[in-house]
N, C-alpha and C. Protein backbone atom coordinates (compact mmCIF):
# COMPACT_ATOMS: atom_id res chain seq x y z
N UNK A 1 97.89 88.58 -209.16
CA UNK A 1 98.05 90.02 -209.06
C UNK A 1 97.23 90.72 -210.15
N UNK A 2 97.30 90.17 -211.37
CA UNK A 2 96.58 90.79 -212.48
C UNK A 2 95.07 90.80 -212.24
N UNK A 3 94.54 89.70 -211.70
CA UNK A 3 93.11 89.61 -211.43
C UNK A 3 92.69 90.64 -210.37
N UNK A 4 93.51 90.81 -209.33
CA UNK A 4 93.20 91.80 -208.29
C UNK A 4 93.25 93.22 -208.86
N UNK A 5 94.25 93.49 -209.70
CA UNK A 5 94.35 94.81 -210.32
C UNK A 5 93.13 95.10 -211.18
N UNK A 6 92.68 94.11 -211.94
CA UNK A 6 91.49 94.28 -212.79
C UNK A 6 90.26 94.60 -211.95
N UNK A 7 90.15 93.99 -210.76
CA UNK A 7 89.01 94.27 -209.88
C UNK A 7 89.06 95.70 -209.35
N UNK A 8 90.26 96.24 -209.18
CA UNK A 8 90.41 97.58 -208.62
C UNK A 8 90.16 98.68 -209.64
N UNK A 9 90.58 98.46 -210.87
CA UNK A 9 90.48 99.50 -211.91
C UNK A 9 89.02 99.92 -212.12
N UNK A 10 88.82 101.25 -212.16
CA UNK A 10 87.49 101.79 -212.39
C UNK A 10 86.68 102.01 -211.13
N UNK A 11 87.09 101.40 -210.03
CA UNK A 11 86.39 101.61 -208.75
C UNK A 11 86.83 102.93 -208.14
N UNK A 12 86.13 103.35 -207.09
CA UNK A 12 86.50 104.59 -206.41
C UNK A 12 87.14 104.23 -205.06
N UNK A 13 88.28 104.81 -204.81
CA UNK A 13 88.99 104.63 -203.55
C UNK A 13 88.52 105.71 -202.59
N UNK A 14 87.88 105.30 -201.51
CA UNK A 14 87.33 106.23 -200.52
C UNK A 14 88.23 106.22 -199.29
N UNK A 15 88.58 107.41 -198.82
CA UNK A 15 89.37 107.56 -197.60
C UNK A 15 88.72 108.64 -196.75
N UNK A 16 89.13 108.79 -195.48
CA UNK A 16 88.60 109.89 -194.67
C UNK A 16 88.89 111.27 -195.28
N UNK A 17 90.00 111.40 -196.01
CA UNK A 17 90.35 112.67 -196.62
C UNK A 17 89.66 112.89 -197.96
N UNK A 18 89.17 111.83 -198.57
CA UNK A 18 88.52 111.94 -199.87
C UNK A 18 87.20 111.17 -199.87
N UNK A 19 86.18 111.68 -199.17
CA UNK A 19 84.92 110.95 -199.07
C UNK A 19 84.22 110.78 -200.43
N UNK A 20 84.53 111.65 -201.40
CA UNK A 20 83.97 111.45 -202.74
C UNK A 20 84.77 110.41 -203.50
N UNK A 21 85.97 110.16 -203.02
CA UNK A 21 86.81 109.13 -203.60
C UNK A 21 87.58 109.56 -204.82
N UNK A 22 88.52 108.73 -205.20
CA UNK A 22 89.31 108.88 -206.41
C UNK A 22 89.06 107.65 -207.26
N UNK A 23 88.83 107.86 -208.55
CA UNK A 23 88.70 106.72 -209.44
C UNK A 23 90.07 106.07 -209.61
N UNK A 24 90.14 104.79 -209.48
CA UNK A 24 91.41 104.07 -209.64
C UNK A 24 91.63 103.88 -211.14
N UNK A 25 92.64 104.58 -211.65
CA UNK A 25 92.94 104.55 -213.07
C UNK A 25 94.18 103.74 -213.39
N UNK A 26 95.05 103.59 -212.39
CA UNK A 26 96.29 102.84 -212.57
C UNK A 26 96.59 102.07 -211.29
N UNK A 27 97.21 100.93 -211.44
CA UNK A 27 97.65 100.13 -210.30
C UNK A 27 99.13 99.84 -210.51
N UNK A 28 99.93 100.18 -209.52
CA UNK A 28 101.37 99.92 -209.58
C UNK A 28 101.67 98.72 -208.69
N UNK A 29 102.45 97.81 -209.19
CA UNK A 29 102.83 96.63 -208.43
C UNK A 29 104.33 96.70 -208.20
N UNK A 30 104.72 96.62 -206.95
CA UNK A 30 106.13 96.69 -206.57
C UNK A 30 106.57 95.38 -205.94
N UNK A 31 107.83 95.14 -206.01
CA UNK A 31 108.42 93.99 -205.34
C UNK A 31 108.29 94.18 -203.84
N UNK A 32 107.97 93.12 -203.13
CA UNK A 32 107.88 93.19 -201.67
C UNK A 32 109.23 93.61 -201.10
N UNK A 33 109.17 94.42 -200.05
CA UNK A 33 110.41 94.93 -199.46
C UNK A 33 110.33 94.78 -197.94
N UNK A 34 111.37 94.20 -197.37
CA UNK A 34 111.43 94.02 -195.92
C UNK A 34 112.73 94.62 -195.44
N UNK A 35 112.68 95.28 -194.31
CA UNK A 35 113.88 95.95 -193.85
C UNK A 35 114.13 95.76 -192.37
N UNK A 36 115.33 96.21 -191.98
CA UNK A 36 115.71 96.13 -190.57
C UNK A 36 115.23 97.36 -189.80
N UNK A 37 115.03 98.47 -190.52
CA UNK A 37 114.59 99.70 -189.85
C UNK A 37 113.72 100.48 -190.82
N UNK A 38 112.84 101.31 -190.26
CA UNK A 38 111.93 102.11 -191.07
C UNK A 38 112.04 103.57 -190.64
N UNK A 39 112.02 104.45 -191.63
CA UNK A 39 112.09 105.89 -191.38
C UNK A 39 110.98 106.60 -192.15
N UNK A 40 110.68 107.79 -191.70
CA UNK A 40 109.81 108.70 -192.44
C UNK A 40 110.51 110.05 -192.45
N UNK A 41 110.61 110.64 -193.63
CA UNK A 41 111.23 111.96 -193.77
C UNK A 41 110.15 112.93 -194.25
N UNK A 42 110.00 114.04 -193.55
CA UNK A 42 108.96 115.00 -193.89
C UNK A 42 109.55 116.41 -193.84
N UNK A 43 109.39 117.13 -194.92
CA UNK A 43 109.88 118.51 -195.01
C UNK A 43 108.67 119.38 -195.27
N UNK A 44 108.41 120.37 -194.40
CA UNK A 44 107.21 121.19 -194.56
C UNK A 44 107.45 122.59 -194.01
N UNK A 45 106.62 123.49 -194.47
CA UNK A 45 106.64 124.85 -193.95
C UNK A 45 105.76 124.89 -192.71
N UNK A 46 106.30 125.39 -191.61
CA UNK A 46 105.50 125.63 -190.42
C UNK A 46 104.96 127.05 -190.57
N UNK A 47 103.67 127.18 -190.84
CA UNK A 47 103.11 128.48 -191.15
C UNK A 47 103.00 129.39 -189.93
N UNK A 48 103.08 128.85 -188.75
CA UNK A 48 103.07 129.70 -187.56
C UNK A 48 104.42 130.36 -187.35
N UNK A 49 105.50 129.59 -187.48
CA UNK A 49 106.84 130.16 -187.27
C UNK A 49 107.46 130.68 -188.56
N UNK A 50 106.85 130.34 -189.72
CA UNK A 50 107.37 130.70 -191.04
C UNK A 50 108.75 130.09 -191.30
N UNK A 51 109.00 128.93 -190.69
CA UNK A 51 110.27 128.25 -190.88
C UNK A 51 110.05 126.92 -191.58
N UNK A 52 111.11 126.45 -192.20
CA UNK A 52 111.08 125.15 -192.84
C UNK A 52 111.49 124.12 -191.79
N UNK A 53 110.69 123.06 -191.65
CA UNK A 53 110.92 122.06 -190.61
C UNK A 53 111.10 120.70 -191.27
N UNK A 54 112.18 120.04 -190.91
CA UNK A 54 112.43 118.67 -191.33
C UNK A 54 112.12 117.77 -190.15
N UNK A 55 111.19 116.83 -190.35
CA UNK A 55 110.85 115.87 -189.31
C UNK A 55 111.36 114.51 -189.76
N UNK A 56 112.05 113.82 -188.84
CA UNK A 56 112.58 112.49 -189.13
C UNK A 56 112.00 111.55 -188.08
N UNK A 57 111.25 110.56 -188.58
CA UNK A 57 110.62 109.58 -187.70
C UNK A 57 111.40 108.27 -187.80
N UNK A 58 111.56 107.61 -186.67
CA UNK A 58 112.20 106.30 -186.63
C UNK A 58 111.23 105.29 -186.04
N UNK A 59 111.69 104.08 -185.82
CA UNK A 59 110.84 103.02 -185.29
C UNK A 59 110.08 103.50 -184.06
N UNK A 60 108.83 103.08 -183.95
CA UNK A 60 108.01 103.48 -182.82
C UNK A 60 107.49 104.89 -182.96
N UNK A 61 107.59 105.47 -184.15
CA UNK A 61 107.14 106.83 -184.44
C UNK A 61 107.84 107.88 -183.57
N UNK A 62 109.09 107.61 -183.23
CA UNK A 62 109.88 108.60 -182.49
C UNK A 62 110.33 109.66 -183.48
N UNK A 63 110.03 110.91 -183.18
CA UNK A 63 110.29 111.99 -184.11
C UNK A 63 111.30 112.99 -183.56
N UNK A 64 112.16 113.45 -184.45
CA UNK A 64 113.02 114.60 -184.16
C UNK A 64 112.72 115.64 -185.22
N UNK A 65 112.63 116.90 -184.79
CA UNK A 65 112.39 117.99 -185.72
C UNK A 65 113.60 118.90 -185.77
N UNK A 66 113.86 119.38 -186.98
CA UNK A 66 115.01 120.26 -187.20
C UNK A 66 114.51 121.47 -187.99
N UNK A 67 114.69 122.67 -187.42
CA UNK A 67 114.37 123.88 -188.17
C UNK A 67 115.54 124.18 -189.10
N UNK A 68 115.22 124.44 -190.35
CA UNK A 68 116.26 124.70 -191.34
C UNK A 68 116.31 126.20 -191.62
N UNK A 69 117.40 126.81 -191.21
CA UNK A 69 117.57 128.25 -191.40
C UNK A 69 117.72 128.56 -192.89
N UNK A 70 117.07 129.63 -193.32
CA UNK A 70 117.16 130.11 -194.69
C UNK A 70 116.87 129.04 -195.72
N UNK A 71 116.01 128.09 -195.34
CA UNK A 71 115.60 127.02 -196.25
C UNK A 71 116.79 126.25 -196.81
N UNK A 72 117.80 126.03 -195.97
CA UNK A 72 118.99 125.30 -196.40
C UNK A 72 119.22 124.09 -195.51
N UNK A 73 119.63 123.00 -196.14
CA UNK A 73 120.01 121.79 -195.42
C UNK A 73 121.53 121.72 -195.49
N UNK A 74 122.17 122.23 -194.46
CA UNK A 74 123.63 122.33 -194.46
C UNK A 74 124.29 120.99 -194.17
N UNK A 75 125.57 120.91 -194.48
CA UNK A 75 126.35 119.69 -194.20
C UNK A 75 126.36 119.42 -192.70
N UNK A 76 126.46 120.47 -191.90
CA UNK A 76 126.48 120.30 -190.44
C UNK A 76 125.15 119.73 -189.95
N UNK A 77 124.05 120.24 -190.50
CA UNK A 77 122.72 119.76 -190.09
C UNK A 77 122.56 118.30 -190.50
N UNK A 78 123.02 117.95 -191.73
CA UNK A 78 122.91 116.55 -192.16
C UNK A 78 123.75 115.64 -191.27
N UNK A 79 124.91 116.09 -190.88
CA UNK A 79 125.76 115.28 -190.00
C UNK A 79 125.05 115.02 -188.67
N UNK A 80 124.36 116.03 -188.15
CA UNK A 80 123.60 115.87 -186.91
C UNK A 80 122.49 114.84 -187.08
N UNK A 81 121.75 114.94 -188.18
CA UNK A 81 120.64 114.01 -188.44
C UNK A 81 121.16 112.59 -188.57
N UNK A 82 122.23 112.41 -189.36
CA UNK A 82 122.82 111.08 -189.56
C UNK A 82 123.30 110.51 -188.23
N UNK A 83 123.88 111.38 -187.39
CA UNK A 83 124.33 110.95 -186.07
C UNK A 83 123.18 110.47 -185.20
N UNK A 84 122.06 111.21 -185.23
CA UNK A 84 120.88 110.79 -184.46
C UNK A 84 120.33 109.47 -184.95
N UNK A 85 120.42 109.22 -186.26
CA UNK A 85 119.92 107.96 -186.82
C UNK A 85 120.90 106.80 -186.65
N UNK A 86 122.12 107.13 -186.24
CA UNK A 86 123.17 106.12 -186.02
C UNK A 86 123.50 105.34 -187.30
N UNK A 87 123.45 106.05 -188.44
CA UNK A 87 123.80 105.42 -189.71
C UNK A 87 125.29 105.61 -189.98
N UNK A 88 125.88 104.62 -190.60
CA UNK A 88 127.32 104.65 -190.89
C UNK A 88 127.56 104.30 -192.35
N UNK A 89 128.70 104.70 -192.86
CA UNK A 89 129.17 104.29 -194.17
C UNK A 89 128.21 104.57 -195.30
N UNK A 90 127.97 103.52 -196.09
CA UNK A 90 127.14 103.65 -197.30
C UNK A 90 125.71 104.09 -196.97
N UNK A 91 125.15 103.59 -195.87
CA UNK A 91 123.78 103.96 -195.51
C UNK A 91 123.70 105.43 -195.08
N UNK A 92 124.74 105.93 -194.45
CA UNK A 92 124.79 107.35 -194.11
C UNK A 92 124.81 108.19 -195.39
N UNK A 93 125.61 107.77 -196.36
CA UNK A 93 125.69 108.49 -197.63
C UNK A 93 124.36 108.45 -198.37
N UNK A 94 123.68 107.30 -198.32
CA UNK A 94 122.37 107.17 -198.97
C UNK A 94 121.34 108.09 -198.30
N UNK A 95 121.37 108.16 -196.97
CA UNK A 95 120.42 109.04 -196.27
C UNK A 95 120.71 110.50 -196.63
N UNK A 96 121.98 110.88 -196.72
CA UNK A 96 122.30 112.24 -197.14
C UNK A 96 121.75 112.53 -198.53
N UNK A 97 121.87 111.56 -199.44
CA UNK A 97 121.34 111.73 -200.80
C UNK A 97 119.82 111.87 -200.77
N UNK A 98 119.14 111.09 -199.93
CA UNK A 98 117.69 111.19 -199.81
C UNK A 98 117.27 112.56 -199.26
N UNK A 99 118.00 113.03 -198.26
CA UNK A 99 117.69 114.34 -197.69
C UNK A 99 117.89 115.45 -198.72
N UNK A 100 118.96 115.35 -199.50
CA UNK A 100 119.19 116.34 -200.57
C UNK A 100 118.07 116.28 -201.61
N UNK A 101 117.64 115.05 -201.95
CA UNK A 101 116.56 114.89 -202.93
C UNK A 101 115.25 115.46 -202.39
N UNK A 102 114.97 115.23 -201.12
CA UNK A 102 113.77 115.79 -200.48
C UNK A 102 113.78 117.31 -200.60
N UNK A 103 114.92 117.92 -200.29
CA UNK A 103 115.05 119.38 -200.36
C UNK A 103 114.94 119.86 -201.81
N UNK A 104 115.53 119.14 -202.73
CA UNK A 104 115.48 119.53 -204.14
C UNK A 104 114.04 119.51 -204.66
N UNK A 105 113.28 118.47 -204.32
CA UNK A 105 111.87 118.41 -204.73
C UNK A 105 111.09 119.58 -204.13
N UNK A 106 111.36 119.86 -202.86
CA UNK A 106 110.66 120.94 -202.16
C UNK A 106 110.89 122.28 -202.88
N UNK A 107 112.15 122.57 -203.19
CA UNK A 107 112.49 123.85 -203.84
C UNK A 107 112.05 123.90 -205.30
N UNK A 108 112.29 122.81 -206.03
CA UNK A 108 111.97 122.78 -207.46
C UNK A 108 110.49 123.04 -207.70
N UNK A 109 109.63 122.41 -206.92
CA UNK A 109 108.20 122.52 -207.13
C UNK A 109 107.52 123.51 -206.19
N UNK A 110 108.31 124.32 -205.47
CA UNK A 110 107.76 125.33 -204.57
C UNK A 110 106.66 124.72 -203.69
N UNK A 111 106.99 123.57 -203.12
CA UNK A 111 106.01 122.77 -202.39
C UNK A 111 105.70 123.36 -201.01
N UNK A 112 104.62 122.89 -200.44
CA UNK A 112 104.26 123.19 -199.06
C UNK A 112 104.82 122.10 -198.16
N UNK A 113 104.86 120.86 -198.68
CA UNK A 113 105.41 119.73 -197.93
C UNK A 113 105.84 118.63 -198.90
N UNK A 114 106.88 117.90 -198.51
CA UNK A 114 107.36 116.73 -199.26
C UNK A 114 107.66 115.65 -198.23
N UNK A 115 107.20 114.43 -198.50
CA UNK A 115 107.44 113.32 -197.57
C UNK A 115 107.91 112.09 -198.31
N UNK A 116 108.81 111.36 -197.68
CA UNK A 116 109.18 110.01 -198.09
C UNK A 116 108.74 109.11 -196.94
N UNK A 117 107.75 108.26 -197.19
CA UNK A 117 107.21 107.45 -196.10
C UNK A 117 106.55 106.20 -196.67
N UNK A 118 107.05 105.04 -196.36
CA UNK A 118 108.22 104.75 -195.53
C UNK A 118 109.51 104.68 -196.35
N UNK A 119 110.60 104.82 -195.62
CA UNK A 119 111.94 104.55 -196.15
C UNK A 119 112.45 103.36 -195.36
N UNK A 120 112.73 102.26 -196.06
CA UNK A 120 113.20 101.05 -195.40
C UNK A 120 114.71 100.94 -195.51
N UNK A 121 115.34 100.54 -194.41
CA UNK A 121 116.75 100.19 -194.42
C UNK A 121 116.83 98.69 -194.67
N UNK A 122 117.32 98.31 -195.85
CA UNK A 122 117.40 96.90 -196.23
C UNK A 122 118.87 96.50 -196.36
N UNK A 123 119.10 95.23 -196.61
CA UNK A 123 120.46 94.74 -196.83
C UNK A 123 121.07 95.38 -198.07
N UNK A 124 120.23 95.76 -199.04
CA UNK A 124 120.71 96.38 -200.27
C UNK A 124 120.88 97.89 -200.15
N UNK A 125 120.40 98.48 -199.08
CA UNK A 125 120.48 99.93 -198.89
C UNK A 125 119.13 100.51 -198.50
N UNK A 126 119.01 101.83 -198.58
CA UNK A 126 117.76 102.50 -198.24
C UNK A 126 116.83 102.50 -199.45
N UNK A 127 115.57 102.19 -199.20
CA UNK A 127 114.58 102.11 -200.27
C UNK A 127 113.37 102.96 -199.89
N UNK A 128 113.02 103.92 -200.75
CA UNK A 128 111.83 104.74 -200.54
C UNK A 128 110.66 103.99 -201.17
N UNK A 129 109.65 103.65 -200.36
CA UNK A 129 108.51 102.89 -200.86
C UNK A 129 107.35 103.79 -201.27
N UNK A 130 107.25 104.97 -200.70
CA UNK A 130 106.15 105.87 -201.05
C UNK A 130 106.57 107.29 -200.75
N UNK A 131 105.89 108.21 -201.37
CA UNK A 131 106.18 109.62 -201.15
C UNK A 131 104.96 110.46 -201.45
N UNK A 132 105.05 111.71 -201.07
CA UNK A 132 103.92 112.62 -201.26
C UNK A 132 104.46 114.03 -201.38
N UNK A 133 103.88 114.80 -202.27
CA UNK A 133 104.20 116.22 -202.38
C UNK A 133 102.89 116.98 -202.24
N UNK A 134 102.88 117.98 -201.35
CA UNK A 134 101.75 118.88 -201.23
C UNK A 134 102.15 120.15 -201.96
N UNK A 135 101.46 120.41 -203.05
CA UNK A 135 101.79 121.54 -203.89
C UNK A 135 101.13 122.81 -203.40
N UNK A 136 101.80 123.92 -203.59
CA UNK A 136 101.26 125.24 -203.31
C UNK A 136 100.34 125.60 -204.48
N UNK A 137 99.04 125.67 -204.24
CA UNK A 137 98.09 125.95 -205.32
C UNK A 137 98.43 127.25 -206.04
N UNK A 138 98.97 128.22 -205.32
CA UNK A 138 99.29 129.51 -205.92
C UNK A 138 100.51 129.46 -206.83
N UNK A 139 101.28 128.37 -206.78
CA UNK A 139 102.46 128.23 -207.65
C UNK A 139 102.23 127.22 -208.77
N UNK A 140 101.10 126.53 -208.76
CA UNK A 140 100.87 125.46 -209.73
C UNK A 140 100.86 125.93 -211.17
N UNK A 141 100.52 127.19 -211.41
CA UNK A 141 100.49 127.67 -212.80
C UNK A 141 101.86 127.59 -213.44
N UNK A 142 102.92 127.55 -212.63
CA UNK A 142 104.28 127.43 -213.17
C UNK A 142 104.64 125.99 -213.53
N UNK A 143 103.77 125.05 -213.16
CA UNK A 143 104.05 123.63 -213.38
C UNK A 143 102.86 122.96 -214.08
N UNK A 144 102.64 123.28 -215.35
CA UNK A 144 101.48 122.71 -216.04
C UNK A 144 101.53 121.18 -216.11
N UNK A 145 102.74 120.61 -216.09
CA UNK A 145 102.83 119.14 -216.12
C UNK A 145 102.26 118.53 -214.84
N UNK A 146 102.35 119.24 -213.74
CA UNK A 146 101.78 118.77 -212.47
C UNK A 146 100.28 119.07 -212.45
N UNK A 147 99.91 120.25 -212.88
CA UNK A 147 98.51 120.66 -212.87
C UNK A 147 97.65 119.73 -213.71
N UNK A 148 98.22 119.15 -214.76
CA UNK A 148 97.45 118.27 -215.63
C UNK A 148 97.01 116.99 -214.91
N UNK A 149 97.66 116.63 -213.80
CA UNK A 149 97.29 115.44 -213.05
C UNK A 149 96.17 115.69 -212.05
N UNK A 150 95.88 116.94 -211.77
CA UNK A 150 94.91 117.26 -210.73
C UNK A 150 93.53 116.73 -211.09
N UNK A 151 92.90 116.09 -210.12
CA UNK A 151 91.53 115.62 -210.27
C UNK A 151 90.64 116.59 -209.51
N UNK A 152 90.06 117.53 -210.23
CA UNK A 152 89.29 118.60 -209.60
C UNK A 152 88.14 118.07 -208.77
N UNK A 153 87.51 116.96 -209.22
CA UNK A 153 86.34 116.45 -208.51
C UNK A 153 86.69 115.65 -207.26
N UNK A 154 87.97 115.33 -207.05
CA UNK A 154 88.35 114.50 -205.91
C UNK A 154 88.36 115.31 -204.62
N UNK A 155 88.14 114.65 -203.52
CA UNK A 155 88.19 115.30 -202.21
C UNK A 155 86.81 115.56 -201.66
N UNK A 156 86.77 116.37 -200.61
CA UNK A 156 85.49 116.73 -200.01
C UNK A 156 84.67 117.49 -201.03
N UNK A 157 83.38 117.30 -201.05
CA UNK A 157 82.51 117.91 -202.05
C UNK A 157 82.67 119.44 -202.07
N UNK A 158 82.65 120.07 -200.92
CA UNK A 158 82.75 121.53 -200.87
C UNK A 158 84.13 122.01 -201.31
N UNK A 159 85.17 121.25 -200.96
CA UNK A 159 86.51 121.60 -201.42
C UNK A 159 86.61 121.46 -202.94
N UNK A 160 86.00 120.44 -203.49
CA UNK A 160 86.03 120.22 -204.93
C UNK A 160 85.33 121.37 -205.66
N UNK A 161 84.20 121.81 -205.13
CA UNK A 161 83.48 122.94 -205.75
C UNK A 161 84.33 124.19 -205.68
N UNK A 162 84.93 124.46 -204.52
CA UNK A 162 85.78 125.65 -204.38
C UNK A 162 86.97 125.59 -205.34
N UNK A 163 87.54 124.41 -205.52
CA UNK A 163 88.70 124.25 -206.40
C UNK A 163 88.34 124.59 -207.85
N UNK A 164 87.12 124.30 -208.26
CA UNK A 164 86.69 124.63 -209.63
C UNK A 164 86.76 126.14 -209.87
N UNK A 165 86.60 126.93 -208.79
CA UNK A 165 86.64 128.38 -208.90
C UNK A 165 87.96 128.96 -208.39
N UNK A 166 88.96 128.10 -208.30
CA UNK A 166 90.31 128.45 -207.85
C UNK A 166 90.30 129.09 -206.46
N UNK A 167 89.48 128.55 -205.59
CA UNK A 167 89.43 128.99 -204.20
C UNK A 167 89.69 127.79 -203.31
N UNK A 168 89.83 128.05 -202.00
CA UNK A 168 89.99 126.99 -201.01
C UNK A 168 88.83 127.06 -200.03
N UNK A 169 88.39 125.89 -199.62
CA UNK A 169 87.34 125.78 -198.63
C UNK A 169 87.91 125.05 -197.43
N UNK A 170 87.80 125.65 -196.26
CA UNK A 170 88.29 125.02 -195.04
C UNK A 170 87.16 124.94 -194.04
N UNK A 171 86.82 123.74 -193.62
CA UNK A 171 85.79 123.54 -192.60
C UNK A 171 86.40 123.81 -191.24
N UNK A 172 85.75 124.64 -190.47
CA UNK A 172 86.21 124.94 -189.11
C UNK A 172 85.30 124.24 -188.11
N UNK A 173 85.54 124.45 -186.84
CA UNK A 173 84.71 123.81 -185.82
C UNK A 173 83.30 124.39 -185.86
N UNK A 174 82.35 123.57 -185.51
CA UNK A 174 80.96 124.02 -185.49
C UNK A 174 80.41 124.12 -186.90
N UNK A 175 79.62 125.18 -187.13
CA UNK A 175 79.01 125.36 -188.45
C UNK A 175 79.63 126.55 -189.18
N UNK A 176 80.95 126.68 -189.04
CA UNK A 176 81.69 127.79 -189.66
C UNK A 176 82.66 127.22 -190.67
N UNK A 177 82.84 127.96 -191.76
CA UNK A 177 83.82 127.58 -192.79
C UNK A 177 84.49 128.83 -193.30
N UNK A 178 85.56 128.64 -194.02
CA UNK A 178 86.32 129.76 -194.57
C UNK A 178 86.54 129.47 -196.06
N UNK A 179 86.12 130.39 -196.93
CA UNK A 179 86.33 130.26 -198.37
C UNK A 179 87.28 131.38 -198.77
N UNK A 180 88.49 131.01 -199.21
CA UNK A 180 89.52 132.02 -199.51
C UNK A 180 90.19 131.69 -200.84
N UNK A 181 90.91 132.68 -201.37
CA UNK A 181 91.59 132.45 -202.65
C UNK A 181 93.11 132.56 -202.52
N UNK A 182 93.64 132.43 -201.33
CA UNK A 182 95.08 132.48 -201.13
C UNK A 182 95.52 131.42 -200.14
N UNK A 183 96.72 130.92 -200.34
CA UNK A 183 97.19 129.81 -199.51
C UNK A 183 97.48 130.24 -198.07
N UNK A 184 97.98 131.45 -197.86
CA UNK A 184 98.38 131.89 -196.53
C UNK A 184 97.23 131.89 -195.54
N UNK A 185 96.14 132.57 -195.89
CA UNK A 185 94.99 132.64 -194.99
C UNK A 185 94.38 131.26 -194.79
N UNK A 186 94.31 130.50 -195.88
CA UNK A 186 93.73 129.16 -195.78
C UNK A 186 94.53 128.30 -194.82
N UNK A 187 95.85 128.28 -194.95
CA UNK A 187 96.63 127.41 -194.09
C UNK A 187 96.73 127.96 -192.67
N UNK A 188 96.71 129.26 -192.53
CA UNK A 188 96.69 129.82 -191.17
C UNK A 188 95.41 129.40 -190.48
N UNK A 189 94.30 129.40 -191.23
CA UNK A 189 93.01 128.98 -190.68
C UNK A 189 93.04 127.50 -190.36
N UNK A 190 93.63 126.69 -191.26
CA UNK A 190 93.73 125.24 -191.02
C UNK A 190 94.40 124.94 -189.70
N UNK A 191 95.45 125.67 -189.37
CA UNK A 191 96.22 125.42 -188.17
C UNK A 191 95.41 125.70 -186.91
N UNK A 192 94.42 126.59 -187.00
CA UNK A 192 93.65 126.98 -185.83
C UNK A 192 92.38 126.17 -185.68
N UNK A 193 91.99 125.43 -186.73
CA UNK A 193 90.72 124.72 -186.66
C UNK A 193 90.84 123.44 -185.86
């Protein structure tokens, strides 16, 4: 494991979303985890309806979506979700705790989206193996500890340049793009592209 980690450090990780890549500065090694069931929990703002949507994926990528009124995850809504997942006892309580944590992260960091993916159901309980938070660029000034992690040069070249000037660049269909300085217009444009 150590030899593989050494080979990775300093290289650039290239993905379809980050063609310029990210320099690999740290490698985390986790214990292997195997489970009986896999879930994905995703909480995001639907910018068309202006509602908060919780998406819960189960095996086979079967998804259920729940609109959360007034940005609240009520006990009744959690009971419905737990019922759909057919979880009982301790695992039901663990899923409720995960859902509360998802909502807490979303509100605390004024996020655009928060995901736990995958969440494995194991003999020991539910285990979150990975997660992601999409931060609202317009709220980041309130979270300097988060802003300090941002890699301005990462991502698409034009997006990276726009980010240096605190703007957003969105590529649209054809030879059209949108350069804006607010999240609303940018994300509304993203949804239509």
